[in-house]
Amino acid sequence: MMGGGQQQQQQLQQLSQELEEIDQEIEAKEAEIEDFRDEKAGVDDAIEAIDTLDDGDTVQLPLGGGAYVRAEVDDMDEIIVGLGGGYAAEQESDDAVDALETKQDSLDDRISGVQGEISELEEESAQIEQRAQQMQQQMQQQQMQQMQDMQGEGDGE
């Protein structure tokens, strides 16, 4: 009878480990969503800049490493837009905004997809927690029954 309790204890430990792994996976996916949101904020900034900047305006151009240089906008009619994979193309400002809005939509889709994955993981986690609670209750009931049986045997002597 004790072997069954030990087996249940091992199963509880395994469920606990599964819950921990799911929690880690959820954290990683939440970080992924945060990265997508940061990227989307950058796209928002780019669209706003295209819509508001004019030829001759002064901007701060990032050089990297937190360093910037002031530069004068020469031509707002042609914008260089990243296409992905390290490639970029020169586009008219309206086409550039369209491309950036398409990128926003794609990021929204990716965020939604990852949020769906998180929901599935949370559902799985809730099911595992429920199984673990049921097993704990069973173990407590078995322990109580064993104690009652032992008391009953002690009373019979």
N, C-alpha and C. Protein backbone atom coordinates (compact mmCIF):
# COMPACT_ATOMS: atom_id res chain seq x y z
N MET A 1 0.82 -1.18 0.00
CA MET A 1 0.00 0.00 0.00
C MET A 1 0.87 1.25 0.00
N MET A 2 2.02 1.21 0.65
CA MET A 2 2.92 2.35 0.70
C MET A 2 3.50 2.63 -0.69
N GLY A 3 3.69 1.59 -1.52
CA GLY A 3 4.23 1.76 -2.86
C GLY A 3 3.35 2.66 -3.69
N GLY A 4 2.01 2.55 -3.53
CA GLY A 4 1.07 3.39 -4.27
C GLY A 4 1.24 4.85 -3.90
N GLY A 5 1.47 5.14 -2.62
CA GLY A 5 1.68 6.51 -2.17
C GLY A 5 2.95 7.10 -2.75
N GLN A 6 3.98 6.26 -2.82
CA GLN A 6 5.25 6.73 -3.38
C GLN A 6 5.09 7.02 -4.87
N GLN A 7 4.32 6.18 -5.55
CA GLN A 7 4.09 6.39 -6.98
C GLN A 7 3.30 7.69 -7.19
N GLN A 8 2.31 7.93 -6.34
CA GLN A 8 1.53 9.17 -6.46
C GLN A 8 2.42 10.38 -6.18
N GLN A 9 3.34 10.24 -5.23
CA GLN A 9 4.26 11.33 -4.91
C GLN A 9 5.14 11.64 -6.12
N GLN A 10 5.60 10.60 -6.81
CA GLN A 10 6.41 10.80 -8.01
C GLN A 10 5.59 11.48 -9.11
N GLN A 11 4.34 11.06 -9.24
CA GLN A 11 3.48 11.68 -10.25
C GLN A 11 3.25 13.15 -9.93
N LEU A 12 3.07 13.47 -8.65
CA LEU A 12 2.90 14.87 -8.24
C LEU A 12 4.15 15.68 -8.57
N GLN A 13 5.30 15.08 -8.33
CA GLN A 13 6.56 15.75 -8.62
C GLN A 13 6.69 16.00 -10.13
N GLN A 14 6.28 15.02 -10.92
CA GLN A 14 6.33 15.16 -12.37
C GLN A 14 5.38 16.27 -12.83
N LEU A 15 4.17 16.31 -12.25
CA LEU A 15 3.22 17.37 -12.61
C LEU A 15 3.77 18.74 -12.23
N SER A 16 4.42 18.81 -11.08
CA SER A 16 5.02 20.06 -10.64
C SER A 16 6.10 20.51 -11.62
N GLN A 17 6.90 19.58 -12.10
CA GLN A 17 7.94 19.89 -13.08
C GLN A 17 7.31 20.37 -14.39
N GLU A 18 6.23 19.71 -14.81
CA GLU A 18 5.54 20.13 -16.04
C GLU A 18 5.01 21.55 -15.89
N LEU A 19 4.46 21.87 -14.72
CA LEU A 19 3.94 23.22 -14.48
C LEU A 19 5.07 24.25 -14.56
N GLU A 20 6.21 23.91 -14.01
CA GLU A 20 7.35 24.82 -14.04
C GLU A 20 7.81 25.06 -15.48
N GLU A 21 7.86 24.00 -16.27
CA GLU A 21 8.26 24.13 -17.68
C GLU A 21 7.26 24.99 -18.45
N ILE A 22 5.98 24.80 -18.18
CA ILE A 22 4.95 25.61 -18.85
C ILE A 22 5.10 27.07 -18.45
N ASP A 23 5.35 27.34 -17.17
CA ASP A 23 5.54 28.71 -16.71
C ASP A 23 6.73 29.36 -17.41
N GLN A 24 7.81 28.62 -17.58
CA GLN A 24 8.99 29.15 -18.28
C GLN A 24 8.67 29.44 -19.75
N GLU A 25 7.90 28.55 -20.35
CA GLU A 25 7.51 28.74 -21.75
C GLU A 25 6.62 29.98 -21.89
N ILE A 26 5.71 30.16 -20.95
CA ILE A 26 4.83 31.33 -20.97
C ILE A 26 5.66 32.61 -20.83
N GLU A 27 6.63 32.61 -19.92
CA GLU A 27 7.51 33.77 -19.75
C GLU A 27 8.26 34.09 -21.04
N ALA A 28 8.76 33.07 -21.71
CA ALA A 28 9.49 33.28 -22.96
C ALA A 28 8.57 33.87 -24.03
N LYS A 29 7.34 33.39 -24.08
CA LYS A 29 6.39 33.89 -25.08
C LYS A 29 5.97 35.32 -24.75
N GLU A 30 5.85 35.64 -23.46
CA GLU A 30 5.52 37.01 -23.08
C GLU A 30 6.67 37.95 -23.46
N ALA A 31 7.91 37.50 -23.34
CA ALA A 31 9.07 38.30 -23.75
C ALA A 31 9.05 38.50 -25.27
N GLU A 32 8.65 37.46 -25.98
CA GLU A 32 8.55 37.54 -27.45
C GLU A 32 7.51 38.59 -27.84
N ILE A 33 6.37 38.59 -27.15
CA ILE A 33 5.33 39.59 -27.42
C ILE A 33 5.87 40.99 -27.14
N GLU A 34 6.61 41.14 -26.06
CA GLU A 34 7.18 42.46 -25.72
C GLU A 34 8.14 42.92 -26.83
N ASP A 35 8.93 42.00 -27.37
CA ASP A 35 9.83 42.34 -28.49
C ASP A 35 9.02 42.81 -29.70
N PHE A 36 7.93 42.10 -30.01
CA PHE A 36 7.08 42.49 -31.14
C PHE A 36 6.48 43.87 -30.90
N ARG A 37 6.05 44.13 -29.67
CA ARG A 37 5.46 45.44 -29.35
C ARG A 37 6.51 46.55 -29.47
N ASP A 38 7.74 46.27 -29.05
CA ASP A 38 8.81 47.25 -29.20
C ASP A 38 9.07 47.54 -30.68
N GLU A 39 9.10 46.47 -31.47
CA GLU A 39 9.30 46.64 -32.91
C GLU A 39 8.16 47.45 -33.52
N LYS A 40 6.94 47.17 -33.08
CA LYS A 40 5.78 47.88 -33.58
C LYS A 40 5.85 49.36 -33.21
N ALA A 41 6.33 49.66 -32.00
CA ALA A 41 6.48 51.06 -31.58
C ALA A 41 7.47 51.76 -32.49
N GLY A 42 8.54 51.08 -32.87
CA GLY A 42 9.51 51.65 -33.80
C GLY A 42 8.88 51.94 -35.16
N VAL A 43 8.02 51.03 -35.61
CA VAL A 43 7.33 51.23 -36.89
C VAL A 43 6.38 52.42 -36.78
N ASP A 44 5.69 52.52 -35.64
CA ASP A 44 4.80 53.68 -35.41
C ASP A 44 5.58 54.98 -35.49
N ASP A 45 6.77 54.99 -34.85
CA ASP A 45 7.61 56.19 -34.87
C ASP A 45 8.03 56.53 -36.31
N ALA A 46 8.36 55.52 -37.08
CA ALA A 46 8.79 55.75 -38.47
C ALA A 46 7.65 56.33 -39.30
N ILE A 47 6.44 55.78 -39.12
CA ILE A 47 5.29 56.30 -39.87
C ILE A 47 5.03 57.76 -39.49
N GLU A 48 5.09 58.03 -38.18
CA GLU A 48 4.87 59.40 -37.72
C GLU A 48 5.92 60.35 -38.31
N ALA A 49 7.17 59.90 -38.34
CA ALA A 49 8.25 60.73 -38.89
C ALA A 49 8.02 61.01 -40.37
N ILE A 50 7.62 59.99 -41.12
CA ILE A 50 7.37 60.18 -42.55
C ILE A 50 6.24 61.18 -42.76
N ASP A 51 5.21 61.07 -41.90
CA ASP A 51 4.05 61.96 -42.04
C ASP A 51 4.34 63.39 -41.61
N THR A 52 5.32 63.60 -40.71
CA THR A 52 5.51 64.94 -40.15
C THR A 52 6.78 65.66 -40.65
N LEU A 53 7.79 64.92 -41.06
CA LEU A 53 9.03 65.57 -41.49
C LEU A 53 8.91 66.16 -42.89
N ASP A 54 9.64 67.25 -43.09
CA ASP A 54 9.70 67.90 -44.40
C ASP A 54 11.16 68.05 -44.80
N ASP A 55 11.37 68.31 -46.10
CA ASP A 55 12.72 68.60 -46.57
C ASP A 55 13.28 69.78 -45.77
N GLY A 56 14.53 69.68 -45.37
CA GLY A 56 15.18 70.76 -44.63
C GLY A 56 15.06 70.63 -43.12
N ASP A 57 14.20 69.75 -42.63
CA ASP A 57 14.09 69.54 -41.18
C ASP A 57 15.37 68.91 -40.65
N THR A 58 15.67 69.21 -39.39
CA THR A 58 16.84 68.63 -38.75
C THR A 58 16.39 67.47 -37.88
N VAL A 59 17.11 66.37 -37.98
CA VAL A 59 16.80 65.16 -37.19
C VAL A 59 18.06 64.68 -36.50
N GLN A 60 17.87 63.86 -35.47
CA GLN A 60 19.01 63.20 -34.83
C GLN A 60 19.09 61.81 -35.41
N LEU A 61 20.21 61.50 -36.00
CA LEU A 61 20.42 60.23 -36.68
C LEU A 61 21.27 59.33 -35.79
N PRO A 62 20.74 58.15 -35.42
CA PRO A 62 21.53 57.27 -34.55
C PRO A 62 22.73 56.68 -35.30
N LEU A 63 23.88 56.72 -34.63
CA LEU A 63 25.09 56.14 -35.21
C LEU A 63 25.37 54.77 -34.62
N GLY A 64 24.71 54.44 -33.50
CA GLY A 64 24.94 53.20 -32.79
C GLY A 64 25.66 53.48 -31.49
N GLY A 65 25.53 52.58 -30.55
CA GLY A 65 26.21 52.73 -29.28
C GLY A 65 25.69 53.92 -28.47
N GLY A 66 24.49 54.38 -28.78
CA GLY A 66 23.91 55.51 -28.05
C GLY A 66 24.40 56.86 -28.55
N ALA A 67 25.11 56.89 -29.67
CA ALA A 67 25.62 58.14 -30.23
C ALA A 67 24.72 58.59 -31.37
N TYR A 68 24.51 59.93 -31.47
CA TYR A 68 23.66 60.50 -32.51
C TYR A 68 24.40 61.66 -33.18
N VAL A 69 23.97 61.99 -34.38
CA VAL A 69 24.48 63.16 -35.09
C VAL A 69 23.26 63.90 -35.64
N ARG A 70 23.35 65.22 -35.64
CA ARG A 70 22.26 66.00 -36.24
C ARG A 70 22.45 65.98 -37.76
N ALA A 71 21.33 65.80 -38.45
CA ALA A 71 21.38 65.76 -39.92
C ALA A 71 20.18 66.50 -40.48
N GLU A 72 20.36 67.04 -41.66
CA GLU A 72 19.26 67.74 -42.32
C GLU A 72 18.63 66.80 -43.34
N VAL A 73 17.28 66.74 -43.32
CA VAL A 73 16.56 65.88 -44.25
C VAL A 73 16.67 66.50 -45.64
N ASP A 74 17.18 65.71 -46.58
CA ASP A 74 17.40 66.20 -47.93
C ASP A 74 16.19 65.96 -48.83
N ASP A 75 15.58 64.76 -48.72
CA ASP A 75 14.49 64.41 -49.64
C ASP A 75 13.49 63.48 -48.96
N MET A 76 12.35 64.03 -48.55
CA MET A 76 11.32 63.22 -47.88
C MET A 76 10.42 62.49 -48.89
N ASP A 77 10.67 62.71 -50.18
CA ASP A 77 9.85 62.04 -51.19
C ASP A 77 10.27 60.58 -51.37
N GLU A 78 11.52 60.27 -51.08
CA GLU A 78 12.02 58.91 -51.24
C GLU A 78 12.51 58.40 -49.88
N ILE A 79 11.95 57.29 -49.44
CA ILE A 79 12.26 56.71 -48.13
C ILE A 79 12.86 55.32 -48.36
N ILE A 80 13.91 54.99 -47.64
CA ILE A 80 14.49 53.65 -47.72
C ILE A 80 13.85 52.82 -46.62
N VAL A 81 13.22 51.72 -47.02
CA VAL A 81 12.47 50.87 -46.10
C VAL A 81 13.08 49.48 -46.07
N GLY A 82 13.30 48.96 -44.86
CA GLY A 82 13.80 47.60 -44.71
C GLY A 82 12.77 46.58 -45.17
N LEU A 83 13.23 45.62 -45.96
CA LEU A 83 12.34 44.59 -46.48
C LEU A 83 12.45 43.30 -45.68
N GLY A 84 13.48 43.21 -44.85
CA GLY A 84 13.75 41.98 -44.11
C GLY A 84 14.95 41.27 -44.70
N GLY A 85 15.55 40.43 -43.91
CA GLY A 85 16.70 39.66 -44.38
C GLY A 85 17.90 40.53 -44.72
N GLY A 86 17.95 41.75 -44.15
CA GLY A 86 19.08 42.63 -44.42
C GLY A 86 18.94 43.44 -45.69
N TYR A 87 17.80 43.35 -46.37
CA TYR A 87 17.58 44.09 -47.61
C TYR A 87 16.69 45.29 -47.37
N ALA A 88 16.87 46.33 -48.18
CA ALA A 88 16.06 47.54 -48.10
C ALA A 88 15.79 48.02 -49.52
N ALA A 89 14.74 48.83 -49.65
CA ALA A 89 14.41 49.38 -50.97
C ALA A 89 13.97 50.83 -50.80
N GLU A 90 14.28 51.64 -51.81
CA GLU A 90 13.84 53.02 -51.81
C GLU A 90 12.42 53.06 -52.33
N GLN A 91 11.56 53.77 -51.58
CA GLN A 91 10.15 53.87 -51.98
C GLN A 91 9.68 55.30 -51.79
N GLU A 92 8.65 55.65 -52.55
CA GLU A 92 8.02 56.96 -52.32
C GLU A 92 7.39 56.93 -50.94
N SER A 93 7.22 58.11 -50.33
CA SER A 93 6.77 58.17 -48.94
C SER A 93 5.44 57.46 -48.71
N ASP A 94 4.48 57.60 -49.64
CA ASP A 94 3.18 56.91 -49.46
C ASP A 94 3.35 55.40 -49.50
N ASP A 95 4.19 54.92 -50.42
CA ASP A 95 4.45 53.48 -50.51
C ASP A 95 5.20 52.99 -49.28
N ALA A 96 6.10 53.83 -48.76
CA ALA A 96 6.84 53.46 -47.56
C ALA A 96 5.88 53.31 -46.37
N VAL A 97 4.95 54.25 -46.24
CA VAL A 97 3.97 54.17 -45.16
C VAL A 97 3.12 52.91 -45.32
N ASP A 98 2.71 52.60 -46.55
CA ASP A 98 1.93 51.37 -46.80
C ASP A 98 2.73 50.13 -46.38
N ALA A 99 4.01 50.11 -46.74
CA ALA A 99 4.86 48.97 -46.39
C ALA A 99 4.99 48.84 -44.87
N LEU A 100 5.15 49.97 -44.20
CA LEU A 100 5.27 49.96 -42.74
C LEU A 100 3.95 49.55 -42.07
N GLU A 101 2.84 49.98 -42.65
CA GLU A 101 1.54 49.57 -42.09
C GLU A 101 1.32 48.07 -42.28
N THR A 102 1.80 47.53 -43.40
CA THR A 102 1.73 46.09 -43.63
C THR A 102 2.57 45.36 -42.58
N LYS A 103 3.72 45.94 -42.28
CA LYS A 103 4.58 45.36 -41.25
C LYS A 103 3.87 45.39 -39.88
N GLN A 104 3.17 46.48 -39.59
CA GLN A 104 2.40 46.58 -38.35
C GLN A 104 1.35 45.47 -38.28
N ASP A 105 0.64 45.28 -39.37
CA ASP A 105 -0.39 44.23 -39.42
C ASP A 105 0.23 42.85 -39.17
N SER A 106 1.38 42.64 -39.78
CA SER A 106 2.08 41.37 -39.59
C SER A 106 2.49 41.19 -38.13
N LEU A 107 2.98 42.25 -37.51
CA LEU A 107 3.35 42.18 -36.09
C LEU A 107 2.12 41.92 -35.22
N ASP A 108 1.00 42.57 -35.56
CA ASP A 108 -0.25 42.32 -34.81
C ASP A 108 -0.65 40.86 -34.91
N ASP A 109 -0.53 40.29 -36.12
CA ASP A 109 -0.87 38.88 -36.32
C ASP A 109 0.05 37.98 -35.50
N ARG A 110 1.33 38.32 -35.48
CA ARG A 110 2.29 37.51 -34.71
C ARG A 110 1.99 37.61 -33.21
N ILE A 111 1.66 38.82 -32.75
CA ILE A 111 1.32 39.01 -31.34
C ILE A 111 0.09 38.18 -31.00
N SER A 112 -0.93 38.23 -31.85
CA SER A 112 -2.16 37.46 -31.61
C SER A 112 -1.86 35.96 -31.58
N GLY A 113 -1.01 35.52 -32.48
CA GLY A 113 -0.66 34.10 -32.53
C GLY A 113 0.03 33.65 -31.25
N VAL A 114 0.97 34.45 -30.78
CA VAL A 114 1.69 34.10 -29.55
C VAL A 114 0.76 34.18 -28.35
N GLN A 115 -0.14 35.15 -28.34
CA GLN A 115 -1.12 35.25 -27.24
C GLN A 115 -2.02 34.00 -27.23
N GLY A 116 -2.36 33.50 -28.40
CA GLY A 116 -3.13 32.25 -28.49
C GLY A 116 -2.36 31.08 -27.91
N GLU A 117 -1.06 31.03 -28.22
CA GLU A 117 -0.21 29.97 -27.67
C GLU A 117 -0.15 30.07 -26.15
N ILE A 118 -0.06 31.30 -25.64
CA ILE A 118 -0.03 31.50 -24.18
C ILE A 118 -1.34 31.02 -23.56
N SER A 119 -2.45 31.33 -24.19
CA SER A 119 -3.75 30.88 -23.68
C SER A 119 -3.83 29.36 -23.61
N GLU A 120 -3.32 28.70 -24.65
CA GLU A 120 -3.31 27.23 -24.66
C GLU A 120 -2.44 26.69 -23.53
N LEU A 121 -1.28 27.32 -23.32
CA LEU A 121 -0.39 26.88 -22.25
C LEU A 121 -1.03 27.10 -20.88
N GLU A 122 -1.73 28.22 -20.72
CA GLU A 122 -2.39 28.51 -19.45
C GLU A 122 -3.51 27.50 -19.19
N GLU A 123 -4.21 27.11 -20.26
CA GLU A 123 -5.26 26.10 -20.14
C GLU A 123 -4.66 24.76 -19.72
N GLU A 124 -3.56 24.40 -20.36
CA GLU A 124 -2.87 23.15 -20.03
C GLU A 124 -2.39 23.18 -18.58
N SER A 125 -1.87 24.32 -18.17
CA SER A 125 -1.39 24.49 -16.80
C SER A 125 -2.55 24.31 -15.80
N ALA A 126 -3.69 24.89 -16.11
CA ALA A 126 -4.85 24.77 -15.22
C ALA A 126 -5.30 23.31 -15.10
N GLN A 127 -5.26 22.58 -16.20
CA GLN A 127 -5.63 21.16 -16.17
C GLN A 127 -4.65 20.36 -15.32
N ILE A 128 -3.39 20.64 -15.45
CA ILE A 128 -2.37 19.93 -14.67
C ILE A 128 -2.54 20.25 -13.19
N GLU A 129 -2.78 21.53 -12.88
CA GLU A 129 -3.00 21.92 -11.48
C GLU A 129 -4.20 21.19 -10.89
N GLN A 130 -5.25 21.07 -11.69
CA GLN A 130 -6.45 20.37 -11.23
C GLN A 130 -6.14 18.90 -10.95
N ARG A 131 -5.39 18.27 -11.87
CA ARG A 131 -5.00 16.86 -11.65
C ARG A 131 -4.17 16.72 -10.38
N ALA A 132 -3.25 17.66 -10.17
CA ALA A 132 -2.39 17.61 -8.99
C ALA A 132 -3.22 17.76 -7.72
N GLN A 133 -4.19 18.65 -7.73
CA GLN A 133 -5.06 18.84 -6.56
C GLN A 133 -5.86 17.57 -6.28
N GLN A 134 -6.36 16.95 -7.33
CA GLN A 134 -7.13 15.71 -7.15
C GLN A 134 -6.24 14.62 -6.55
N MET A 135 -5.02 14.53 -7.04
CA MET A 135 -4.10 13.52 -6.51
C MET A 135 -3.79 13.80 -5.05
N GLN A 136 -3.58 15.05 -4.69
CA GLN A 136 -3.30 15.39 -3.30
C GLN A 136 -4.48 15.03 -2.41
N GLN A 137 -5.69 15.30 -2.88
CA GLN A 137 -6.88 14.95 -2.11
C GLN A 137 -6.98 13.45 -1.93
N GLN A 138 -6.71 12.70 -2.99
CA GLN A 138 -6.73 11.24 -2.90
C GLN A 138 -5.72 10.74 -1.88
N MET A 139 -4.53 11.32 -1.92
CA MET A 139 -3.48 10.91 -0.99
C MET A 139 -3.89 11.21 0.45
N GLN A 140 -4.50 12.36 0.67
CA GLN A 140 -4.95 12.71 2.01
C GLN A 140 -6.05 11.76 2.49
N GLN A 141 -6.96 11.42 1.59
CA GLN A 141 -8.03 10.49 1.94
C GLN A 141 -7.45 9.12 2.28
N GLN A 142 -6.47 8.69 1.49
CA GLN A 142 -5.84 7.39 1.76
C GLN A 142 -5.12 7.41 3.10
N GLN A 143 -4.44 8.50 3.40
CA GLN A 143 -3.74 8.61 4.68
C GLN A 143 -4.73 8.59 5.84
N MET A 144 -5.83 9.30 5.67
CA MET A 144 -6.85 9.31 6.73
C MET A 144 -7.43 7.92 6.91
N GLN A 145 -7.67 7.23 5.80
CA GLN A 145 -8.22 5.88 5.87
C GLN A 145 -7.23 4.94 6.57
N GLN A 146 -5.95 5.07 6.24
CA GLN A 146 -4.94 4.24 6.88
C GLN A 146 -4.88 4.51 8.38
N MET A 147 -4.98 5.78 8.76
CA MET A 147 -4.96 6.12 10.18
C MET A 147 -6.18 5.54 10.89
N GLN A 148 -7.34 5.62 10.24
CA GLN A 148 -8.55 5.06 10.83
C GLN A 148 -8.44 3.54 10.96
N ASP A 149 -7.88 2.91 9.91
CA ASP A 149 -7.69 1.46 9.96
C ASP A 149 -6.76 1.07 11.09
N MET A 150 -5.69 1.85 11.27
CA MET A 150 -4.73 1.56 12.33
C MET A 150 -5.36 1.77 13.70
N GLN A 151 -6.19 2.77 13.84
CA GLN A 151 -6.89 3.00 15.11
C GLN A 151 -7.88 1.87 15.39
N GLY A 152 -8.53 1.43 14.33
CA GLY A 152 -9.50 0.33 14.47
C GLY A 152 -8.81 -0.95 14.90
N GLU A 153 -7.61 -1.19 14.37
CA GLU A 153 -6.86 -2.39 14.74
C GLU A 153 -6.39 -2.27 16.17
N GLY A 154 -6.00 -1.05 16.59
CA GLY A 154 -5.52 -0.83 17.96
C GLY A 154 -6.66 -0.98 18.97
N ASP A 155 -7.89 -0.62 18.59
CA ASP A 155 -9.04 -0.75 19.48
C ASP A 155 -9.43 -2.21 19.64
N GLY A 156 -9.19 -3.03 18.63
CA GLY A 156 -9.59 -4.44 18.64
C GLY A 156 -8.69 -5.28 19.54
N GLU A 157 -7.57 -4.81 19.95
CA GLU A 157 -6.63 -5.61 20.75
C GLU A 157 -6.92 -5.56 22.17
